[in-house]
Protein backbone atom coordinates (compact mmCIF):
# COMPACT_ATOMS: atom_id res chain seq x y z
CA MET A 1 3.98 -20.35 16.06
CA LYS A 2 4.77 -20.45 19.93
CA ILE A 3 6.58 -23.66 21.26
CA LEU A 4 4.71 -26.59 23.24
CA THR A 5 5.72 -27.58 26.62
CA LEU A 6 4.77 -31.05 26.98
CA GLU A 7 6.10 -32.42 31.09
CA PHE A 8 6.33 -35.94 31.60
CA CYS A 9 6.55 -37.46 34.57
CA VAL A 10 8.66 -40.22 34.46
CA GLY A 11 8.79 -41.73 38.08
CA THR A 12 8.20 -45.18 38.47
CA ALA A 13 4.42 -45.19 38.95
CA CYS A 14 4.13 -43.41 35.11
CA HIS A 15 6.77 -45.26 33.75
CA MET A 16 5.30 -48.71 34.21
CA LYS A 17 2.60 -47.47 32.78
CA GLY A 18 3.98 -46.56 29.75
CA THR A 19 5.53 -42.89 29.77
CA PRO A 20 8.63 -44.07 27.78
CA ASP A 21 6.38 -45.04 24.77
CA ILE A 22 4.69 -41.50 24.81
CA ILE A 23 7.80 -40.06 24.91
CA ALA A 24 9.02 -42.37 22.16
CA ALA A 25 6.30 -41.10 20.05
CA VAL A 26 6.14 -37.17 20.37
CA GLU A 27 10.56 -38.10 19.44
CA ALA A 28 9.02 -39.46 16.62
CA LEU A 29 7.30 -37.00 15.00
CA PRO A 30 7.60 -35.23 11.92
CA PRO A 31 10.69 -32.95 12.19
CA GLU A 32 8.25 -29.81 11.21
CA MET A 33 5.64 -30.30 14.13
CA ARG A 34 8.50 -31.85 16.63
CA SER A 35 10.53 -28.80 16.60
CA ASN A 36 7.64 -27.13 18.11
CA ILE A 37 8.01 -28.94 21.21
CA LEU A 38 10.09 -28.68 24.55
CA LEU A 39 10.47 -31.97 26.21
CA ARG A 40 11.12 -32.19 29.77
CA LEU A 41 10.83 -34.66 32.74
CA THR A 42 10.12 -34.51 35.63
CA HIS A 43 9.52 -37.01 38.76
CA CYS A 44 6.57 -36.60 39.73
CA LEU A 45 3.50 -34.83 38.65
CA GLY A 46 1.53 -35.35 41.98
CA ASN A 47 -1.35 -37.82 40.42
CA CYS A 48 0.71 -41.30 40.60
CA GLY A 49 -2.14 -43.66 40.74
CA ALA A 50 -3.49 -42.09 37.34
CA GLY A 51 -0.57 -42.36 35.35
CA PRO A 52 1.37 -41.89 32.66
CA ASN A 53 0.53 -37.93 33.42
CA VAL A 54 1.51 -35.09 31.12
CA LYS A 55 1.69 -31.67 31.69
CA PHE A 56 0.15 -30.52 28.04
CA ASP A 57 1.65 -26.50 28.53
CA GLY A 58 0.86 -26.17 31.26
CA ILE A 59 -2.30 -28.20 31.92
CA LEU A 60 -2.13 -31.19 33.75
CA HIS A 61 -3.61 -34.75 31.66
CA SER A 62 -3.66 -38.42 33.67
CA ARG A 63 -3.68 -41.81 32.06
CA VAL A 64 -2.04 -40.75 29.19
CA THR A 65 -1.61 -43.09 26.28
CA VAL A 66 -0.29 -42.58 22.31
CA ASP A 67 -3.72 -42.40 20.99
CA SER A 68 -5.07 -39.59 23.28
CA LEU A 69 -1.73 -37.51 23.80
CA SER A 70 -1.65 -37.59 19.61
CA ASP A 71 -4.91 -36.24 19.46
CA LEU A 72 -4.32 -33.66 21.68
CA LEU A 73 -1.06 -33.01 19.41
CA LYS A 74 -3.12 -32.44 16.70
CA ARG A 75 -6.15 -30.15 18.13
CA TYR A 76 -3.55 -27.97 19.78
CA PHE A 77 -1.11 -27.58 16.06
CA GLN A 78 -4.64 -27.16 14.07
CA GLN A 79 -5.22 -24.09 16.57
CA GLU A 80 -1.96 -22.61 15.82
């Protein structure tokens, strides 16, 4: 199984819109799933007005919530 890279914007706008909650949800995943995810933090992904922003395996997703990221993760790991 390949490692999934999640790059989270932790700039002010995304932070205020919920990035810490999304990161906490990823960190709380079951170990067998969490061990296949590389978390990276960055200060800007260039779409501040539509945060929180996350690059999911190189693809930018905006207005991310815990639920929407959970859906993306489920689809990703089902494909593997």
